[in-house]
PDB file of N, CA and C in Angstrom:
ATOM      1  N   UNK A   1      82.401 116.480  84.412  1.00  0.00           N
ATOM      2  CA  UNK A   1      81.313 115.986  85.229  1.00  0.00           C
ATOM      3  C   UNK A   1      79.980 116.120  84.484  1.00  0.00           C
ATOM      4  N   UNK A   2      79.807 117.222  83.785  1.00  0.00           N
ATOM      5  CA  UNK A   2      78.581 117.430  83.040  1.00  0.00           C
ATOM      6  C   UNK A   2      78.439 116.401  81.932  1.00  0.00           C
ATOM      7  N   UNK A   3      79.547 116.021  81.312  1.00  0.00           N
ATOM      8  CA  UNK A   3      79.497 115.021  80.237  1.00  0.00           C
ATOM      9  C   UNK A   3      79.029 113.668  80.760  1.00  0.00           C
ATOM     10  N   UNK A   4      79.429 113.314  81.965  1.00  0.00           N
ATOM     11  CA  UNK A   4      79.015 112.038  82.544  1.00  0.00           C
ATOM     12  C   UNK A   4      77.516 112.053  82.841  1.00  0.00           C
ATOM     13  N   UNK A   5      77.026 113.141  83.414  1.00  0.00           N
ATOM     14  CA  UNK A   5      75.594 113.246  83.714  1.00  0.00           C
ATOM     15  C   UNK A   5      74.781 113.232  82.424  1.00  0.00           C
ATOM     16  N   UNK A   6      75.267 113.930  81.406  1.00  0.00           N
ATOM     17  CA  UNK A   6      74.580 113.934  80.113  1.00  0.00           C
ATOM     18  C   UNK A   6      74.543 112.542  79.512  1.00  0.00           C
ATOM     19  N   UNK A   7      75.648 111.808  79.597  1.00  0.00           N
ATOM     20  CA  UNK A   7      75.701 110.451  79.066  1.00  0.00           C
ATOM     21  C   UNK A   7      74.733 109.537  79.812  1.00  0.00           C
ATOM     22  N   UNK A   8      74.599 109.718  81.113  1.00  0.00           N
ATOM     23  CA  UNK A   8      73.651 108.909  81.890  1.00  0.00           C
ATOM     24  C   UNK A   8      72.217 109.214  81.463  1.00  0.00           C
ATOM     25  N   UNK A   9      71.893 110.488  81.300  1.00  0.00           N
ATOM     26  CA  UNK A   9      70.541 110.850  80.861  1.00  0.00           C
ATOM     27  C   UNK A   9      70.254 110.333  79.460  1.00  0.00           C
ATOM     28  N   UNK A  10      71.227 110.435  78.586  1.00  0.00           N
ATOM     29  CA  UNK A  10      71.068 109.878  77.237  1.00  0.00           C
ATOM     30  C   UNK A  10      70.905 108.370  77.326  1.00  0.00           C
ATOM     31  N   UNK A  11      71.639 107.733  78.234  1.00  0.00           N
ATOM     32  CA  UNK A  11      71.546 106.291  78.423  1.00  0.00           C
ATOM     33  C   UNK A  11      70.162 105.840  78.833  1.00  0.00           C
ATOM     34  N   UNK A  12      69.471 106.650  79.623  1.00  0.00           N
ATOM     35  CA  UNK A  12      68.091 106.310  79.997  1.00  0.00           C
ATOM     36  C   UNK A  12      67.199 106.250  78.762  1.00  0.00           C
ATOM     37  N   UNK A  13      67.343 107.249  77.910  1.00  0.00           N
ATOM     38  CA  UNK A  13      66.553 107.284  76.674  1.00  0.00           C
ATOM     39  C   UNK A  13      66.979 106.156  75.741  1.00  0.00           C
ATOM     40  N   UNK A  14      68.275 105.926  75.649  1.00  0.00           N
ATOM     41  CA  UNK A  14      68.802 104.873  74.776  1.00  0.00           C
ATOM     42  C   UNK A  14      68.306 103.501  75.236  1.00  0.00           C
ATOM     43  N   UNK A  15      68.238 103.269  76.536  1.00  0.00           N
ATOM     44  CA  UNK A  15      67.724 101.994  77.048  1.00  0.00           C
ATOM     45  C   UNK A  15      66.293 101.748  76.619  1.00  0.00           C
ATOM     46  N   UNK A  16      65.484 102.788  76.652  1.00  0.00           N
ATOM     47  CA  UNK A  16      64.090 102.661  76.218  1.00  0.00           C
ATOM     48  C   UNK A  16      64.026 102.387  74.713  1.00  0.00           C
ATOM     49  N   UNK A  17      64.836 103.114  73.937  1.00  0.00           N
ATOM     50  CA  UNK A  17      64.854 102.911  72.482  1.00  0.00           C
ATOM     51  C   UNK A  17      65.328 101.502  72.139  1.00  0.00           C
ATOM     52  N   UNK A  18      66.376 101.029  72.819  1.00  0.00           N
ATOM     53  CA  UNK A  18      66.883  99.674  72.561  1.00  0.00           C
ATOM     54  C   UNK A  18      65.813  98.633  72.875  1.00  0.00           C
ATOM     55  N   UNK A  19      65.066  98.844  73.936  1.00  0.00           N
ATOM     56  CA  UNK A  19      63.991  97.913  74.297  1.00  0.00           C
ATOM     57  C   UNK A  19      62.896  97.910  73.231  1.00  0.00           C
ATOM     58  N   UNK A  20      62.564  99.088  72.700  1.00  0.00           N
ATOM     59  CA  UNK A  20      61.552  99.171  71.653  1.00  0.00           C
ATOM     60  C   UNK A  20      62.020  98.506  70.359  1.00  0.00           C
ATOM     61  N   UNK A  21      63.318  98.598  70.071  1.00  0.00           N
ATOM     62  CA  UNK A  21      63.855  97.999  68.847  1.00  0.00           C
ATOM     63  C   UNK A  21      64.086  96.499  68.978  1.00  0.00           C
ATOM     64  N   UNK A  22      64.182  96.012  70.214  1.00  0.00           N
ATOM     65  CA  UNK A  22      64.397  94.583  70.459  1.00  0.00           C
ATOM     66  C   UNK A  22      63.269  94.060  71.348  1.00  0.00           C
ATOM     67  N   UNK A  23      62.100  93.823  70.758  1.00  0.00           N
ATOM     68  CA  UNK A  23      60.978  93.359  71.587  1.00  0.00           C
ATOM     69  C   UNK A  23      61.228  91.954  72.123  1.00  0.00           C
ATOM     70  N   UNK A  24      60.486  91.610  73.124  1.00  0.00           N
ATOM     71  CA  UNK A  24      60.616  90.294  73.748  1.00  0.00           C
ATOM     72  C   UNK A  24      60.793  90.455  75.240  1.00  0.00           C
ATOM     73  N   UNK A  25      60.757  89.331  75.917  1.00  0.00           N
ATOM     74  CA  UNK A  25      60.897  89.355  77.369  1.00  0.00           C
ATOM     75  C   UNK A  25      62.352  89.526  77.755  1.00  0.00           C
ATOM     76  N   UNK A  26      62.572  90.427  78.687  1.00  0.00           N
ATOM     77  CA  UNK A  26      63.902  90.616  79.255  1.00  0.00           C
ATOM     78  C   UNK A  26      63.936  89.981  80.627  1.00  0.00           C
ATOM     79  N   UNK A  27      64.953  89.185  80.897  1.00  0.00           N
ATOM     80  CA  UNK A  27      65.027  88.516  82.194  1.00  0.00           C
ATOM     81  C   UNK A  27      65.108  89.472  83.382  1.00  0.00           C
ATOM     82  N   UNK A  28      65.646  90.676  83.183  1.00  0.00           N
ATOM     83  CA  UNK A  28      65.837  91.594  84.299  1.00  0.00           C
ATOM     84  C   UNK A  28      64.798  92.676  84.407  1.00  0.00           C
ATOM     85  N   UNK A  29      63.943  92.812  83.432  1.00  0.00           N
ATOM     86  CA  UNK A  29      62.917  93.840  83.476  1.00  0.00           C
ATOM     87  C   UNK A  29      63.401  95.195  83.002  1.00  0.00           C
ATOM     88  N   UNK A  30      62.613  96.191  83.311  1.00  0.00           N
ATOM     89  CA  UNK A  30      62.840  97.543  82.815  1.00  0.00           C
ATOM     90  C   UNK A  30      64.099  98.184  83.413  1.00  0.00           C
ATOM     91  N   UNK A  31      64.356  97.968  84.686  1.00  0.00           N
ATOM     92  CA  UNK A  31      65.511  98.585  85.344  1.00  0.00           C
ATOM     93  C   UNK A  31      66.816  98.097  84.722  1.00  0.00           C
ATOM     94  N   UNK A  32      66.936  96.793  84.502  1.00  0.00           N
ATOM     95  CA  UNK A  32      68.143  96.242  83.886  1.00  0.00           C
ATOM     96  C   UNK A  32      68.306  96.784  82.471  1.00  0.00           C
ATOM     97  N   UNK A  33      67.203  96.905  81.740  1.00  0.00           N
ATOM     98  CA  UNK A  33      67.269  97.436  80.385  1.00  0.00           C
ATOM     99  C   UNK A  33      67.777  98.871  80.391  1.00  0.00           C
ATOM    100  N   UNK A  34      67.323  99.676  81.346  1.00  0.00           N
ATOM    101  CA  UNK A  34      67.795 101.057  81.446  1.00  0.00           C
ATOM    102  C   UNK A  34      69.276 101.095  81.817  1.00  0.00           C
ATOM    103  N   UNK A  35      69.691 100.241  82.749  1.00  0.00           N
ATOM    104  CA  UNK A  35      71.108 100.193  83.119  1.00  0.00           C
ATOM    105  C   UNK A  35      71.977  99.765  81.941  1.00  0.00           C
ATOM    106  N   UNK A  36      71.478  98.803  81.159  1.00  0.00           N
ATOM    107  CA  UNK A  36      72.209  98.401  79.959  1.00  0.00           C
ATOM    108  C   UNK A  36      72.242  99.537  78.943  1.00  0.00           C
ATOM    109  N   UNK A  37      71.190 100.342  78.896  1.00  0.00           N
ATOM    110  CA  UNK A  37      71.177 101.513  78.029  1.00  0.00           C
ATOM    111  C   UNK A  37      72.230 102.531  78.439  1.00  0.00           C
ATOM    112  N   UNK A  38      72.371 102.735  79.745  1.00  0.00           N
ATOM    113  CA  UNK A  38      73.397 103.654  80.242  1.00  0.00           C
ATOM    114  C   UNK A  38      74.782 103.129  79.888  1.00  0.00           C
ATOM    115  N   UNK A  39      75.015 101.837  80.113  1.00  0.00           N
ATOM    116  CA  UNK A  39      76.312 101.243  79.756  1.00  0.00           C
ATOM    117  C   UNK A  39      76.543 101.320  78.255  1.00  0.00           C
ATOM    118  N   UNK A  40      75.496 101.065  77.475  1.00  0.00           N
ATOM    119  CA  UNK A  40      75.608 101.168  76.021  1.00  0.00           C
ATOM    120  C   UNK A  40      75.918 102.578  75.573  1.00  0.00           C
ATOM    121  N   UNK A  41      75.364 103.568  76.274  1.00  0.00           N
ATOM    122  CA  UNK A  41      75.654 104.957  75.950  1.00  0.00           C
ATOM    123  C   UNK A  41      77.120 105.285  76.213  1.00  0.00           C
ATOM    124  N   UNK A  42      77.658 104.795  77.330  1.00  0.00           N
ATOM    125  CA  UNK A  42      79.069 105.024  77.615  1.00  0.00           C
ATOM    126  C   UNK A  42      79.955 104.359  76.563  1.00  0.00           C
ATOM    127  N   UNK A  43      79.667 103.094  76.253  1.00  0.00           N
ATOM    128  CA  UNK A  43      80.460 102.357  75.259  1.00  0.00           C
ATOM    129  C   UNK A  43      80.292 102.981  73.877  1.00  0.00           C
ATOM    130  N   UNK A  44      79.057 103.266  73.504  1.00  0.00           N
ATOM    131  CA  UNK A  44      78.792 103.837  72.188  1.00  0.00           C
ATOM    132  C   UNK A  44      79.392 105.217  72.013  1.00  0.00           C
ATOM    133  N   UNK A  45      79.303 106.043  73.051  1.00  0.00           N
ATOM    134  CA  UNK A  45      79.901 107.373  72.985  1.00  0.00           C
ATOM    135  C   UNK A  45      81.407 107.280  72.850  1.00  0.00           C
ATOM    136  N   UNK A  46      82.003 106.386  73.604  1.00  0.00           N
ATOM    137  CA  UNK A  46      83.452 106.202  73.528  1.00  0.00           C
ATOM    138  C   UNK A  46      83.862 105.739  72.133  1.00  0.00           C
ATOM    139  N   UNK A  47      83.158 104.724  71.597  1.00  0.00           N
ATOM    140  CA  UNK A  47      83.484 104.236  70.257  1.00  0.00           C
ATOM    141  C   UNK A  47      83.225 105.293  69.186  1.00  0.00           C
ATOM    142  N   UNK A  48      82.112 106.001  69.307  1.00  0.00           N
ATOM    143  CA  UNK A  48      81.792 107.043  68.336  1.00  0.00           C
ATOM    144  C   UNK A  48      82.822 108.147  68.307  1.00  0.00           C
ATOM    145  N   UNK A  49      83.270 108.565  69.480  1.00  0.00           N
ATOM    146  CA  UNK A  49      84.295 109.610  69.538  1.00  0.00           C
ATOM    147  C   UNK A  49      85.641 109.104  69.067  1.00  0.00           C
ATOM    148  N   UNK A  50      85.910 107.830  69.290  1.00  0.00           N
ATOM    149  CA  UNK A  50      87.187 107.266  68.870  1.00  0.00           C
ATOM    150  C   UNK A  50      87.286 107.201  67.346  1.00  0.00           C
ATOM    151  N   UNK A  51      86.186 106.847  66.676  1.00  0.00           N
ATOM    152  CA  UNK A  51      86.228 106.668  65.231  1.00  0.00           C
ATOM    153  C   UNK A  51      85.757 107.886  64.445  1.00  0.00           C
ATOM    154  N   UNK A  52      84.776 108.642  64.963  1.00  0.00           N
ATOM    155  CA  UNK A  52      84.193 109.733  64.182  1.00  0.00           C
ATOM    156  C   UNK A  52      84.381 111.100  64.799  1.00  0.00           C
ATOM    157  N   UNK A  53      85.096 111.228  65.883  1.00  0.00           N
ATOM    158  CA  UNK A  53      85.272 112.534  66.513  1.00  0.00           C
ATOM    159  C   UNK A  53      84.068 112.928  67.347  1.00  0.00           C
ATOM    160  N   UNK A  54      83.780 114.210  67.391  1.00  0.00           N
ATOM    161  CA  UNK A  54      82.706 114.727  68.247  1.00  0.00           C
ATOM    162  C   UNK A  54      81.363 114.785  67.520  1.00  0.00           C
ATOM    163  N   UNK A  55      81.128 113.892  66.586  1.00  0.00           N
ATOM    164  CA  UNK A  55      79.897 113.874  65.802  1.00  0.00           C
ATOM    165  C   UNK A  55      78.720 113.482  66.696  1.00  0.00           C
ATOM    166  N   UNK A  56      77.776 114.381  66.893  1.00  0.00           N
ATOM    167  CA  UNK A  56      76.645 114.159  67.800  1.00  0.00           C
ATOM    168  C   UNK A  56      75.768 113.001  67.330  1.00  0.00           C
ATOM    169  N   UNK A  57      75.462 112.924  66.040  1.00  0.00           N
ATOM    170  CA  UNK A  57      74.605 111.858  65.518  1.00  0.00           C
ATOM    171  C   UNK A  57      75.263 110.496  65.680  1.00  0.00           C
ATOM    172  N   UNK A  58      76.538 110.425  65.444  1.00  0.00           N
ATOM    173  CA  UNK A  58      77.243 109.153  65.607  1.00  0.00           C
ATOM    174  C   UNK A  58      77.184 108.698  67.060  1.00  0.00           C
ATOM    175  N   UNK A  59      77.204 109.623  68.006  1.00  0.00           N
ATOM    176  CA  UNK A  59      77.099 109.261  69.413  1.00  0.00           C
ATOM    177  C   UNK A  59      75.761 108.625  69.735  1.00  0.00           C
ATOM    178  N   UNK A  60      74.678 109.185  69.223  1.00  0.00           N
ATOM    179  CA  UNK A  60      73.353 108.627  69.438  1.00  0.00           C
ATOM    180  C   UNK A  60      73.228 107.263  68.795  1.00  0.00           C
ATOM    181  N   UNK A  61      73.654 107.157  67.556  1.00  0.00           N
ATOM    182  CA  UNK A  61      73.548 105.888  66.827  1.00  0.00           C
ATOM    183  C   UNK A  61      74.371 104.816  67.525  1.00  0.00           C
ATOM    184  N   UNK A  62      75.593 105.133  67.863  1.00  0.00           N
ATOM    185  CA  UNK A  62      76.458 104.152  68.511  1.00  0.00           C
ATOM    186  C   UNK A  62      75.959 103.805  69.916  1.00  0.00           C
ATOM    187  N   UNK A  63      75.356 104.753  70.599  1.00  0.00           N
ATOM    188  CA  UNK A  63      74.793 104.458  71.920  1.00  0.00           C
ATOM    189  C   UNK A  63      73.661 103.450  71.811  1.00  0.00           C
ATOM    190  N   UNK A  64      72.797 103.624  70.824  1.00  0.00           N
ATOM    191  CA  UNK A  64      71.683 102.692  70.629  1.00  0.00           C
ATOM    192  C   UNK A  64      72.212 101.322  70.228  1.00  0.00           C
ATOM    193  N   UNK A  65      73.184 101.292  69.314  1.00  0.00           N
ATOM    194  CA  UNK A  65      73.776 100.008  68.898  1.00  0.00           C
ATOM    195  C   UNK A  65      74.463  99.333  70.072  1.00  0.00           C
ATOM    196  N   UNK A  66      75.211 100.108  70.865  1.00  0.00           N
ATOM    197  CA  UNK A  66      75.884  99.549  72.038  1.00  0.00           C
ATOM    198  C   UNK A  66      74.898  98.967  73.038  1.00  0.00           C
ATOM    199  N   UNK A  67      73.792  99.660  73.273  1.00  0.00           N
ATOM    200  CA  UNK A  67      72.773  99.166  74.206  1.00  0.00           C
ATOM    201  C   UNK A  67      72.107  97.904  73.674  1.00  0.00           C
ATOM    202  N   UNK A  68      71.855  97.862  72.372  1.00  0.00           N
ATOM    203  CA  UNK A  68      71.241  96.664  71.786  1.00  0.00           C
ATOM    204  C   UNK A  68      72.186  95.469  71.885  1.00  0.00           C
ATOM    205  N   UNK A  69      73.462  95.682  71.655  1.00  0.00           N
ATOM    206  CA  UNK A  69      74.441  94.594  71.768  1.00  0.00           C
ATOM    207  C   UNK A  69      74.517  94.101  73.205  1.00  0.00           C
ATOM    208  N   UNK A  70      74.582  95.018  74.163  1.00  0.00           N
ATOM    209  CA  UNK A  70      74.628  94.614  75.573  1.00  0.00           C
ATOM    210  C   UNK A  70      73.343  93.899  75.987  1.00  0.00           C
ATOM    211  N   UNK A  71      72.199  94.358  75.491  1.00  0.00           N
ATOM    212  CA  UNK A  71      70.932  93.694  75.795  1.00  0.00           C
ATOM    213  C   UNK A  71      70.897  92.284  75.218  1.00  0.00           C
ATOM    214  N   UNK A  72      71.401  92.110  74.010  1.00  0.00           N
ATOM    215  CA  UNK A  72      71.463  90.787  73.393  1.00  0.00           C
ATOM    216  C   UNK A  72      72.381  89.851  74.181  1.00  0.00           C
ATOM    217  N   UNK A  73      73.551  90.353  74.561  1.00  0.00           N
ATOM    218  CA  UNK A  73      74.490  89.548  75.356  1.00  0.00           C
ATOM    219  C   UNK A  73      73.861  89.182  76.698  1.00  0.00           C
ATOM    220  N   UNK A  74      73.189  90.136  77.327  1.00  0.00           N
ATOM    221  CA  UNK A  74      72.539  89.874  78.607  1.00  0.00           C
ATOM    222  C   UNK A  74      71.456  88.805  78.472  1.00  0.00           C
ATOM    223  N   UNK A  75      70.663  88.900  77.410  1.00  0.00           N
ATOM    224  CA  UNK A  75      69.614  87.881  77.183  1.00  0.00           C
ATOM    225  C   UNK A  75      70.229  86.496  76.974  1.00  0.00           C
ATOM    226  N   UNK A  76      71.340  86.426  76.273  1.00  0.00           N
ATOM    227  CA  UNK A  76      71.973  85.127  76.021  1.00  0.00           C
ATOM    228  C   UNK A  76      72.541  84.543  77.306  1.00  0.00           C
ATOM    229  N   UNK A  77      73.176  85.366  78.132  1.00  0.00           N
ATOM    230  CA  UNK A  77      73.795  84.870  79.356  1.00  0.00           C
ATOM    231  C   UNK A  77      72.737  84.466  80.386  1.00  0.00           C
ATOM    232  N   UNK A  78      71.774  85.341  80.643  1.00  0.00           N
ATOM    233  CA  UNK A  78      70.750  85.068  81.648  1.00  0.00           C
ATOM    234  C   UNK A  78      69.768  84.017  81.156  1.00  0.00           C
ATOM    235  N   UNK A  79      69.517  83.984  79.857  1.00  0.00           N
ATOM    236  CA  UNK A  79      68.589  82.994  79.293  1.00  0.00           C
ATOM    237  C   UNK A  79      69.091  81.562  79.458  1.00  0.00           C
ATOM    238  N   UNK A  80      70.416  81.373  79.466  1.00  0.00           N
ATOM    239  CA  UNK A  80      70.973  80.035  79.658  1.00  0.00           C
ATOM    240  C   UNK A  80      70.815  79.560  81.090  1.00  0.00           C
ATOM    241  N   UNK A  81      70.823  80.489  82.042  1.00  0.00           N
ATOM    242  CA  UNK A  81      70.688  80.113  83.439  1.00  0.00           C
ATOM    243  C   UNK A  81      69.256  79.765  83.816  1.00  0.00           C
ATOM    244  N   UNK A  82      68.299  80.457  83.188  1.00  0.00           N
ATOM    245  CA  UNK A  82      66.896  80.296  83.590  1.00  0.00           C
ATOM    246  C   UNK A  82      66.197  79.278  82.851  1.00  0.00           C
TER     247      UNK A  82
END
């Protein structure tokens, strides 16, 4: 349970970092970016642990990469509708 809460808190920070690394207008605003950061943290942590074990730095890096990928996919999907 503690790992899930920690991943969510890291996801909040990761969402902000992903937004700073990918400037531009987001169709969903700040809340969607934070939610994508949380999802990216879950995906990135899972991938990081799968390939590199319990490496803390790899978890952070993969969380940021995961959030950036999800943000890019979200921009492409929502951008086509609007």
